[in-house]
Amino acid sequence: MSLKEKLLIESKEALVNKAISFAINVEPVLVEEAKNGRTEIVIPIGDENKHITRSPIFIKAVHELLEGVKVEVSRISVNPLFPGLKKDVFNVSWGDSK
C-alpha cells in the first residue's frame, strides 16, 4: 500500500469519526428542539472544523447516522449592516418541505 493510500484511509476514518461525534452530540439537541415544535435549526460551525464539514464523506456519514434528517452546510450573513461578513453553519431540518 502506498503512502497516499494510507493517508486517504486515515483521512476518511477521521471524517467518519467526526461525523459520529457530531451525530451523537446533535441528536439530543434535535430532540429538544422538536419538543419545542421546531422542524429545523441552524448550528454554527467553528473555524477549526470548516475543512471537515465541507467534505462529502462527512456529510454522507452524517446523513446515514441521522437517518431522515437533512443536513446542509451554508454561509449566512453575520450582520445585516455588513452583508459581506459571513459564517458557515449547518442547516438541519426534519420537517416536510412542502
PDB file of N, CA and C in Angstrom:
ATOM      1  N   MET A   1       0.849  -1.168   0.000  1.00  0.00           N
ATOM      2  CA  MET A   1       0.000   0.000   0.000  1.00  0.00           C
ATOM      3  C   MET A   1       0.905   1.245   0.000  1.00  0.00           C
ATOM      4  N   SER A   2       0.566   2.181  -0.871  1.00  0.00           N
ATOM      5  CA  SER A   2       1.373   3.403  -0.975  1.00  0.00           C
ATOM      6  C   SER A   2       1.050   4.349   0.182  1.00  0.00           C
ATOM      7  N   LEU A   3       1.917   5.311   0.367  1.00  0.00           N
ATOM      8  CA  LEU A   3       1.701   6.320   1.402  1.00  0.00           C
ATOM      9  C   LEU A   3       0.409   7.083   1.136  1.00  0.00           C
ATOM     10  N   LYS A   4       0.166   7.390  -0.128  1.00  0.00           N
ATOM     11  CA  LYS A   4      -1.054   8.116  -0.491  1.00  0.00           C
ATOM     12  C   LYS A   4      -2.285   7.337  -0.060  1.00  0.00           C
ATOM     13  N   GLU A   5      -2.319   6.057  -0.329  1.00  0.00           N
ATOM     14  CA  GLU A   5      -3.463   5.222   0.051  1.00  0.00           C
ATOM     15  C   GLU A   5      -3.642   5.193   1.570  1.00  0.00           C
ATOM     16  N   LYS A   6      -2.541   5.087   2.303  1.00  0.00           N
ATOM     17  CA  LYS A   6      -2.607   5.098   3.767  1.00  0.00           C
ATOM     18  C   LYS A   6      -3.171   6.420   4.287  1.00  0.00           C
ATOM     19  N   LEU A   7      -2.703   7.519   3.698  1.00  0.00           N
ATOM     20  CA  LEU A   7      -3.172   8.834   4.125  1.00  0.00           C
ATOM     21  C   LEU A   7      -4.659   9.035   3.817  1.00  0.00           C
ATOM     22  N   LEU A   8      -5.093   8.561   2.673  1.00  0.00           N
ATOM     23  CA  LEU A   8      -6.513   8.672   2.311  1.00  0.00           C
ATOM     24  C   LEU A   8      -7.389   7.858   3.268  1.00  0.00           C
ATOM     25  N   ILE A   9      -6.913   6.685   3.649  1.00  0.00           N
ATOM     26  CA  ILE A   9      -7.652   5.855   4.612  1.00  0.00           C
ATOM     27  C   ILE A   9      -7.744   6.564   5.954  1.00  0.00           C
ATOM     28  N   GLU A  10      -6.635   7.132   6.412  1.00  0.00           N
ATOM     29  CA  GLU A  10      -6.616   7.870   7.683  1.00  0.00           C
ATOM     30  C   GLU A  10      -7.563   9.067   7.636  1.00  0.00           C
ATOM     31  N   SER A  11      -7.551   9.792   6.530  1.00  0.00           N
ATOM     32  CA  SER A  11      -8.430  10.957   6.379  1.00  0.00           C
ATOM     33  C   SER A  11      -9.897  10.549   6.420  1.00  0.00           C
ATOM     34  N   LYS A  12     -10.235   9.484   5.692  1.00  0.00           N
ATOM     35  CA  LYS A  12     -11.623   9.030   5.668  1.00  0.00           C
ATOM     36  C   LYS A  12     -12.070   8.580   7.048  1.00  0.00           C
ATOM     37  N   GLU A  13     -11.224   7.849   7.761  1.00  0.00           N
ATOM     38  CA  GLU A  13     -11.559   7.407   9.119  1.00  0.00           C
ATOM     39  C   GLU A  13     -11.783   8.594  10.047  1.00  0.00           C
ATOM     40  N   ALA A  14     -10.935   9.616   9.909  1.00  0.00           N
ATOM     41  CA  ALA A  14     -11.074  10.813  10.745  1.00  0.00           C
ATOM     42  C   ALA A  14     -12.401  11.521  10.454  1.00  0.00           C
ATOM     43  N   LEU A  15     -12.765  11.612   9.179  1.00  0.00           N
ATOM     44  CA  LEU A  15     -14.023  12.274   8.805  1.00  0.00           C
ATOM     45  C   LEU A  15     -15.232  11.501   9.319  1.00  0.00           C
ATOM     46  N   VAL A  16     -15.189  10.190   9.210  1.00  0.00           N
ATOM     47  CA  VAL A  16     -16.297   9.364   9.701  1.00  0.00           C
ATOM     48  C   VAL A  16     -16.394   9.471  11.222  1.00  0.00           C
ATOM     49  N   ASN A  17     -15.263   9.470  11.907  1.00  0.00           N
ATOM     50  CA  ASN A  17     -15.274   9.622  13.368  1.00  0.00           C
ATOM     51  C   ASN A  17     -15.826  10.980  13.790  1.00  0.00           C
ATOM     52  N   LYS A  18     -15.489  12.037  13.053  1.00  0.00           N
ATOM     53  CA  LYS A  18     -16.052  13.365  13.337  1.00  0.00           C
ATOM     54  C   LYS A  18     -17.550  13.371  13.100  1.00  0.00           C
ATOM     55  N   ALA A  19     -18.012  12.673  12.063  1.00  0.00           N
ATOM     56  CA  ALA A  19     -19.445  12.586  11.778  1.00  0.00           C
ATOM     57  C   ALA A  19     -20.173  11.853  12.904  1.00  0.00           C
ATOM     58  N   ILE A  20     -19.581  10.787  13.407  1.00  0.00           N
ATOM     59  CA  ILE A  20     -20.183  10.043  14.524  1.00  0.00           C
ATOM     60  C   ILE A  20     -20.284  10.939  15.750  1.00  0.00           C
ATOM     61  N   SER A  21     -19.219  11.643  16.051  1.00  0.00           N
ATOM     62  CA  SER A  21     -19.213  12.551  17.198  1.00  0.00           C
ATOM     63  C   SER A  21     -20.268  13.639  17.032  1.00  0.00           C
ATOM     64  N   PHE A  22     -20.353  14.222  15.848  1.00  0.00           N
ATOM     65  CA  PHE A  22     -21.353  15.253  15.572  1.00  0.00           C
ATOM     66  C   PHE A  22     -22.759  14.702  15.779  1.00  0.00           C
ATOM     67  N   ALA A  23     -23.039  13.540  15.209  1.00  0.00           N
ATOM     68  CA  ALA A  23     -24.371  12.945  15.306  1.00  0.00           C
ATOM     69  C   ALA A  23     -24.745  12.652  16.758  1.00  0.00           C
ATOM     70  N   ILE A  24     -23.816  12.113  17.521  1.00  0.00           N
ATOM     71  CA  ILE A  24     -24.082  11.808  18.930  1.00  0.00           C
ATOM     72  C   ILE A  24     -24.394  13.083  19.709  1.00  0.00           C
ATOM     73  N   ASN A  25     -23.660  14.150  19.445  1.00  0.00           N
ATOM     74  CA  ASN A  25     -23.853  15.400  20.171  1.00  0.00           C
ATOM     75  C   ASN A  25     -25.085  16.182  19.724  1.00  0.00           C
ATOM     76  N   VAL A  26     -25.436  16.092  18.460  1.00  0.00           N
ATOM     77  CA  VAL A  26     -26.541  16.901  17.946  1.00  0.00           C
ATOM     78  C   VAL A  26     -27.906  16.223  18.134  1.00  0.00           C
ATOM     79  N   GLU A  27     -27.938  14.919  18.216  1.00  0.00           N
ATOM     80  CA  GLU A  27     -29.226  14.224  18.326  1.00  0.00           C
ATOM     81  C   GLU A  27     -30.065  14.693  19.521  1.00  0.00           C
ATOM     82  N   PRO A  28     -29.503  14.808  20.735  1.00  0.00           N
ATOM     83  CA  PRO A  28     -30.315  15.298  21.848  1.00  0.00           C
ATOM     84  C   PRO A  28     -30.800  16.739  21.640  1.00  0.00           C
ATOM     85  N   VAL A  29     -30.002  17.544  20.963  1.00  0.00           N
ATOM     86  CA  VAL A  29     -30.406  18.922  20.666  1.00  0.00           C
ATOM     87  C   VAL A  29     -31.606  18.913  19.722  1.00  0.00           C
ATOM     88  N   LEU A  30     -31.561  18.053  18.719  1.00  0.00           N
ATOM     89  CA  LEU A  30     -32.673  17.961  17.770  1.00  0.00           C
ATOM     90  C   LEU A  30     -33.948  17.501  18.463  1.00  0.00           C
ATOM     91  N   VAL A  31     -33.827  16.523  19.351  1.00  0.00           N
ATOM     92  CA  VAL A  31     -34.995  16.027  20.092  1.00  0.00           C
ATOM     93  C   VAL A  31     -35.599  17.158  20.918  1.00  0.00           C
ATOM     94  N   GLU A  32     -34.757  17.916  21.595  1.00  0.00           N
ATOM     95  CA  GLU A  32     -35.236  19.023  22.433  1.00  0.00           C
ATOM     96  C   GLU A  32     -35.910  20.099  21.581  1.00  0.00           C
ATOM     97  N   GLU A  33     -35.317  20.421  20.454  1.00  0.00           N
ATOM     98  CA  GLU A  33     -35.913  21.419  19.551  1.00  0.00           C
ATOM     99  C   GLU A  33     -37.244  20.922  18.994  1.00  0.00           C
ATOM    100  N   ALA A  34     -37.325  19.641  18.662  1.00  0.00           N
ATOM    101  CA  ALA A  34     -38.576  19.069  18.170  1.00  0.00           C
ATOM    102  C   ALA A  34     -39.662  19.148  19.238  1.00  0.00           C
ATOM    103  N   LYS A  35     -39.293  18.932  20.503  1.00  0.00           N
ATOM    104  CA  LYS A  35     -40.258  19.047  21.599  1.00  0.00           C
ATOM    105  C   LYS A  35     -40.800  20.470  21.724  1.00  0.00           C
ATOM    106  N   ASN A  36     -40.030  21.435  21.259  1.00  0.00           N
ATOM    107  CA  ASN A  36     -40.457  22.836  21.272  1.00  0.00           C
ATOM    108  C   ASN A  36     -41.203  23.222  19.998  1.00  0.00           C
ATOM    109  N   GLY A  37     -41.485  22.250  19.137  1.00  0.00           N
ATOM    110  CA  GLY A  37     -42.265  22.492  17.931  1.00  0.00           C
ATOM    111  C   GLY A  37     -41.465  22.891  16.711  1.00  0.00           C
ATOM    112  N   ARG A  38     -40.179  22.892  16.812  1.00  0.00           N
ATOM    113  CA  ARG A  38     -39.354  23.281  15.659  1.00  0.00           C
ATOM    114  C   ARG A  38     -39.152  22.097  14.723  1.00  0.00           C
ATOM    115  N   THR A  39     -38.897  22.413  13.458  1.00  0.00           N
ATOM    116  CA  THR A  39     -38.589  21.385  12.466  1.00  0.00           C
ATOM    117  C   THR A  39     -37.260  21.655  11.771  1.00  0.00           C
ATOM    118  N   GLU A  40     -36.559  22.681  12.247  1.00  0.00           N
ATOM    119  CA  GLU A  40     -35.241  22.978  11.702  1.00  0.00           C
ATOM    120  C   GLU A  40     -34.467  23.854  12.678  1.00  0.00           C
ATOM    121  N   ILE A  41     -33.141  23.745  12.615  1.00  0.00           N
ATOM    122  CA  ILE A  41     -32.286  24.603  13.413  1.00  0.00           C
ATOM    123  C   ILE A  41     -31.040  24.950  12.618  1.00  0.00           C
ATOM    124  N   VAL A  42     -30.359  25.983  13.059  1.00  0.00           N
ATOM    125  CA  VAL A  42     -29.088  26.403  12.474  1.00  0.00           C
ATOM    126  C   VAL A  42     -28.029  26.233  13.545  1.00  0.00           C
ATOM    127  N   ILE A  43     -26.943  25.541  13.194  1.00  0.00           N
ATOM    128  CA  ILE A  43     -25.856  25.280  14.134  1.00  0.00           C
ATOM    129  C   ILE A  43     -24.580  25.913  13.576  1.00  0.00           C
ATOM    130  N   PRO A  44     -23.960  26.819  14.329  1.00  0.00           N
ATOM    131  CA  PRO A  44     -22.711  27.436  13.844  1.00  0.00           C
ATOM    132  C   PRO A  44     -21.587  26.405  13.708  1.00  0.00           C
ATOM    133  N   ILE A  45     -20.696  26.672  12.769  1.00  0.00           N
ATOM    134  CA  ILE A  45     -19.531  25.824  12.551  1.00  0.00           C
ATOM    135  C   ILE A  45     -18.294  26.639  12.917  1.00  0.00           C
ATOM    136  N   GLY A  46     -17.496  26.118  13.810  1.00  0.00           N
ATOM    137  CA  GLY A  46     -16.259  26.794  14.192  1.00  0.00           C
ATOM    138  C   GLY A  46     -15.245  26.777  13.072  1.00  0.00           C
ATOM    139  N   ASP A  47     -14.383  27.769  13.066  1.00  0.00           N
ATOM    140  CA  ASP A  47     -13.361  27.872  12.017  1.00  0.00           C
ATOM    141  C   ASP A  47     -12.471  26.632  11.936  1.00  0.00           C
ATOM    142  N   GLU A  48     -12.232  26.007  13.094  1.00  0.00           N
ATOM    143  CA  GLU A  48     -11.340  24.846  13.112  1.00  0.00           C
ATOM    144  C   GLU A  48     -11.955  23.623  12.433  1.00  0.00           C
ATOM    145  N   ASN A  49     -13.275  23.639  12.186  1.00  0.00           N
ATOM    146  CA  ASN A  49     -13.945  22.483  11.589  1.00  0.00           C
ATOM    147  C   ASN A  49     -14.430  22.702  10.157  1.00  0.00           C
ATOM    148  N   LYS A  50     -14.155  23.845   9.567  1.00  0.00           N
ATOM    149  CA  LYS A  50     -14.661  24.130   8.224  1.00  0.00           C
ATOM    150  C   LYS A  50     -14.232  23.090   7.198  1.00  0.00           C
ATOM    151  N   HIS A  51     -12.973  22.696   7.239  1.00  0.00           N
ATOM    152  CA  HIS A  51     -12.469  21.742   6.244  1.00  0.00           C
ATOM    153  C   HIS A  51     -13.138  20.380   6.393  1.00  0.00           C
ATOM    154  N   ILE A  52     -13.531  20.030   7.594  1.00  0.00           N
ATOM    155  CA  ILE A  52     -14.200  18.749   7.843  1.00  0.00           C
ATOM    156  C   ILE A  52     -15.630  18.787   7.343  1.00  0.00           C
ATOM    157  N   THR A  53     -16.332  19.842   7.691  1.00  0.00           N
ATOM    158  CA  THR A  53     -17.759  19.919   7.393  1.00  0.00           C
ATOM    159  C   THR A  53     -18.056  20.084   5.911  1.00  0.00           C
ATOM    160  N   ARG A  54     -17.102  20.510   5.149  1.00  0.00           N
ATOM    161  CA  ARG A  54     -17.299  20.661   3.704  1.00  0.00           C
ATOM    162  C   ARG A  54     -17.043  19.360   2.944  1.00  0.00           C
ATOM    163  N   SER A  55     -16.556  18.355   3.624  1.00  0.00           N
ATOM    164  CA  SER A  55     -16.229  17.095   2.967  1.00  0.00           C
ATOM    165  C   SER A  55     -17.488  16.290   2.644  1.00  0.00           C
ATOM    166  N   PRO A  56     -17.607  15.799   1.403  1.00  0.00           N
ATOM    167  CA  PRO A  56     -18.734  14.937   1.054  1.00  0.00           C
ATOM    168  C   PRO A  56     -18.766  13.659   1.901  1.00  0.00           C
ATOM    169  N   ILE A  57     -17.609  13.177   2.322  1.00  0.00           N
ATOM    170  CA  ILE A  57     -17.553  11.979   3.168  1.00  0.00           C
ATOM    171  C   ILE A  57     -18.214  12.263   4.510  1.00  0.00           C
ATOM    172  N   PHE A  58     -17.916  13.416   5.100  1.00  0.00           N
ATOM    173  CA  PHE A  58     -18.512  13.807   6.374  1.00  0.00           C
ATOM    174  C   PHE A  58     -20.031  13.945   6.242  1.00  0.00           C
ATOM    175  N   ILE A  59     -20.475  14.683   5.241  1.00  0.00           N
ATOM    176  CA  ILE A  59     -21.912  14.928   5.054  1.00  0.00           C
ATOM    177  C   ILE A  59     -22.652  13.611   4.802  1.00  0.00           C
ATOM    178  N   LYS A  60     -22.101  12.735   3.979  1.00  0.00           N
ATOM    179  CA  LYS A  60     -22.736  11.447   3.704  1.00  0.00           C
ATOM    180  C   LYS A  60     -22.864  10.629   4.987  1.00  0.00           C
ATOM    181  N   ALA A  61     -21.802  10.597   5.786  1.00  0.00           N
ATOM    182  CA  ALA A  61     -21.837   9.843   7.051  1.00  0.00           C
ATOM    183  C   ALA A  61     -22.875  10.427   8.002  1.00  0.00           C
ATOM    184  N   VAL A  62     -22.958  11.753   8.081  1.00  0.00           N
ATOM    185  CA  VAL A  62     -23.953  12.399   8.952  1.00  0.00           C
ATOM    186  C   VAL A  62     -25.365  12.032   8.500  1.00  0.00           C
ATOM    187  N   HIS A  63     -25.621  12.061   7.193  1.00  0.00           N
ATOM    188  CA  HIS A  63     -26.949  11.697   6.676  1.00  0.00           C
ATOM    189  C   HIS A  63     -27.294  10.249   7.019  1.00  0.00           C
ATOM    190  N   GLU A  64     -26.319   9.377   6.947  1.00  0.00           N
ATOM    191  CA  GLU A  64     -26.569   7.978   7.288  1.00  0.00           C
ATOM    192  C   GLU A  64     -26.840   7.812   8.782  1.00  0.00           C
ATOM    193  N   LEU A  65     -26.126   8.553   9.602  1.00  0.00           N
ATOM    194  CA  LEU A  65     -26.296   8.450  11.058  1.00  0.00           C
ATOM    195  C   LEU A  65     -27.577   9.112  11.553  1.00  0.00           C
ATOM    196  N   LEU A  66     -27.957  10.218  10.934  1.00  0.00           N
ATOM    197  CA  LEU A  66     -29.180  10.938  11.315  1.00  0.00           C
ATOM    198  C   LEU A  66     -30.243  10.683  10.244  1.00  0.00           C
ATOM    199  N   GLU A  67     -30.605   9.449  10.108  1.00  0.00           N
ATOM    200  CA  GLU A  67     -31.499   8.995   9.047  1.00  0.00           C
ATOM    201  C   GLU A  67     -32.767   9.851   8.962  1.00  0.00           C
ATOM    202  N   GLY A  68     -33.015  10.382   7.766  1.00  0.00           N
ATOM    203  CA  GLY A  68     -34.208  11.178   7.525  1.00  0.00           C
ATOM    204  C   GLY A  68     -34.045  12.659   7.839  1.00  0.00           C
ATOM    205  N   VAL A  69     -32.942  13.035   8.439  1.00  0.00           N
ATOM    206  CA  VAL A  69     -32.683  14.441   8.775  1.00  0.00           C
ATOM    207  C   VAL A  69     -31.788  15.028   7.688  1.00  0.00           C
ATOM    208  N   LYS A  70     -32.177  16.183   7.188  1.00  0.00           N
ATOM    209  CA  LYS A  70     -31.406  16.850   6.143  1.00  0.00           C
ATOM    210  C   LYS A  70     -30.378  17.774   6.798  1.00  0.00           C
ATOM    211  N   VAL A  71     -29.121  17.628   6.427  1.00  0.00           N
ATOM    212  CA  VAL A  71     -28.037  18.448   6.966  1.00  0.00           C
ATOM    213  C   VAL A  71     -27.282  19.053   5.791  1.00  0.00           C
ATOM    214  N   GLU A  72     -27.244  20.374   5.755  1.00  0.00           N
ATOM    215  CA  GLU A  72     -26.530  21.088   4.701  1.00  0.00           C
ATOM    216  C   GLU A  72     -25.613  22.124   5.330  1.00  0.00           C
ATOM    217  N   VAL A  73     -24.530  22.410   4.657  1.00  0.00           N
ATOM    218  CA  VAL A  73     -23.630  23.473   5.083  1.00  0.00           C
ATOM    219  C   VAL A  73     -23.889  24.673   4.190  1.00  0.00           C
ATOM    220  N   SER A  74     -24.052  25.840   4.811  1.00  0.00           N
ATOM    221  CA  SER A  74     -24.244  27.058   4.030  1.00  0.00           C
ATOM    222  C   SER A  74     -23.542  28.221   4.714  1.00  0.00           C
ATOM    223  N   ARG A  75     -23.481  29.331   4.013  1.00  0.00           N
ATOM    224  CA  ARG A  75     -22.885  30.557   4.549  1.00  0.00           C
ATOM    225  C   ARG A  75     -24.002  31.563   4.744  1.00  0.00           C
ATOM    226  N   ILE A  76     -24.044  32.164   5.921  1.00  0.00           N
ATOM    227  CA  ILE A  76     -25.053  33.176   6.199  1.00  0.00           C
ATOM    228  C   ILE A  76     -24.374  34.464   6.630  1.00  0.00           C
ATOM    229  N   SER A  77     -25.080  35.555   6.425  1.00  0.00           N
ATOM    230  CA  SER A  77     -24.577  36.854   6.825  1.00  0.00           C
ATOM    231  C   SER A  77     -24.593  36.971   8.343  1.00  0.00           C
ATOM    232  N   VAL A  78     -23.536  37.491   8.920  1.00  0.00           N
ATOM    233  CA  VAL A  78     -23.412  37.635  10.362  1.00  0.00           C
ATOM    234  C   VAL A  78     -24.151  38.874  10.846  1.00  0.00           C
ATOM    235  N   ASN A  79     -24.133  39.933  10.035  1.00  0.00           N
ATOM    236  CA  ASN A  79     -24.705  41.203  10.446  1.00  0.00           C
ATOM    237  C   ASN A  79     -25.339  41.877   9.237  1.00  0.00           C
ATOM    238  N   PRO A  80     -26.602  42.329   9.361  1.00  0.00           N
ATOM    239  CA  PRO A  80     -27.251  42.980   8.216  1.00  0.00           C
ATOM    240  C   PRO A  80     -26.538  44.261   7.758  1.00  0.00           C
ATOM    241  N   LEU A  81     -25.814  44.905   8.667  1.00  0.00           N
ATOM    242  CA  LEU A  81     -25.086  46.117   8.291  1.00  0.00           C
ATOM    243  C   LEU A  81     -23.822  45.810   7.488  1.00  0.00           C
ATOM    244  N   PHE A  82     -23.320  44.583   7.634  1.00  0.00           N
ATOM    245  CA  PHE A  82     -22.124  44.147   6.925  1.00  0.00           C
ATOM    246  C   PHE A  82     -22.423  42.831   6.203  1.00  0.00           C
ATOM    247  N   PRO A  83     -23.176  42.888   5.099  1.00  0.00           N
ATOM    248  CA  PRO A  83     -23.591  41.648   4.426  1.00  0.00           C
ATOM    249  C   PRO A  83     -22.440  40.810   3.896  1.00  0.00           C
ATOM    250  N   GLY A  84     -21.273  41.386   3.738  1.00  0.00           N
ATOM    251  CA  GLY A  84     -20.128  40.627   3.261  1.00  0.00           C
ATOM    252  C   GLY A  84     -19.492  39.769   4.346  1.00  0.00           C
ATOM    253  N   LEU A  85     -19.823  40.045   5.594  1.00  0.00           N
ATOM    254  CA  LEU A  85     -19.283  39.288   6.718  1.00  0.00           C
ATOM    255  C   LEU A  85     -20.155  38.052   6.918  1.00  0.00           C
ATOM    256  N   LYS A  86     -19.605  36.871   6.638  1.00  0.00           N
ATOM    257  CA  LYS A  86     -20.391  35.642   6.661  1.00  0.00           C
ATOM    258  C   LYS A  86     -19.756  34.591   7.553  1.00  0.00           C
ATOM    259  N   LYS A  87     -20.574  33.619   7.971  1.00  0.00           N
ATOM    260  CA  LYS A  87     -20.067  32.480   8.734  1.00  0.00           C
ATOM    261  C   LYS A  87     -20.711  31.211   8.208  1.00  0.00           C
ATOM    262  N   ASP A  88     -20.023  30.109   8.384  1.00  0.00           N
ATOM    263  CA  ASP A  88     -20.530  28.808   7.959  1.00  0.00           C
ATOM    264  C   ASP A  88     -21.424  28.231   9.050  1.00  0.00           C
ATOM    265  N   VAL A  89     -22.533  27.619   8.631  1.00  0.00           N
ATOM    266  CA  VAL A  89     -23.470  26.997   9.561  1.00  0.00           C
ATOM    267  C   VAL A  89     -23.998  25.694   8.973  1.00  0.00           C
ATOM    268  N   PHE A  90     -24.486  24.839   9.865  1.00  0.00           N
ATOM    269  CA  PHE A  90     -25.264  23.679   9.445  1.00  0.00           C
ATOM    270  C   PHE A  90     -26.726  24.091   9.452  1.00  0.00           C
ATOM    271  N   ASN A  91     -27.433  23.823   8.368  1.00  0.00           N
ATOM    272  CA  ASN A  91     -28.892  23.935   8.343  1.00  0.00           C
ATOM    273  C   ASN A  91     -29.394  22.508   8.515  1.00  0.00           C
ATOM    274  N   VAL A  92     -30.045  22.256   9.638  1.00  0.00           N
ATOM    275  CA  VAL A  92     -30.522  20.919   9.969  1.00  0.00           C
ATOM    276  C   VAL A  92     -32.049  20.959   9.986  1.00  0.00           C
ATOM    277  N   SER A  93     -32.690  20.110   9.182  1.00  0.00           N
ATOM    278  CA  SER A  93     -34.153  20.119   9.130  1.00  0.00           C
ATOM    279  C   SER A  93     -34.687  18.688   9.068  1.00  0.00           C
ATOM    280  N   TRP A  94     -35.866  18.535   9.632  1.00  0.00           N
ATOM    281  CA  TRP A  94     -36.510  17.230   9.632  1.00  0.00           C
ATOM    282  C   TRP A  94     -38.001  17.333   9.334  1.00  0.00           C
ATOM    283  N   GLY A  95     -38.440  18.521   8.944  1.00  0.00           N
ATOM    284  CA  GLY A  95     -39.853  18.727   8.638  1.00  0.00           C
ATOM    285  C   GLY A  95     -40.134  18.494   7.178  1.00  0.00           C
ATOM    286  N   ASP A  96     -41.418  18.522   6.854  1.00  0.00           N
ATOM    287  CA  ASP A  96     -41.865  18.378   5.474  1.00  0.00           C
ATOM    288  C   ASP A  96     -41.541  19.668   4.734  1.00  0.00           C
ATOM    289  N   SER A  97     -40.945  19.563   3.585  1.00  0.00           N
ATOM    290  CA  SER A  97     -40.530  20.756   2.834  1.00  0.00           C
ATOM    291  C   SER A  97     -41.666  21.387   2.041  1.00  0.00           C
ATOM    292  N   LYS A  98     -42.864  20.821   2.095  1.00  0.00           N
ATOM    293  CA  LYS A  98     -43.997  21.364   1.319  1.00  0.00           C
ATOM    294  C   LYS A  98     -44.684  22.466   2.074  1.00  0.00           C
TER     295      LYS A  98
END
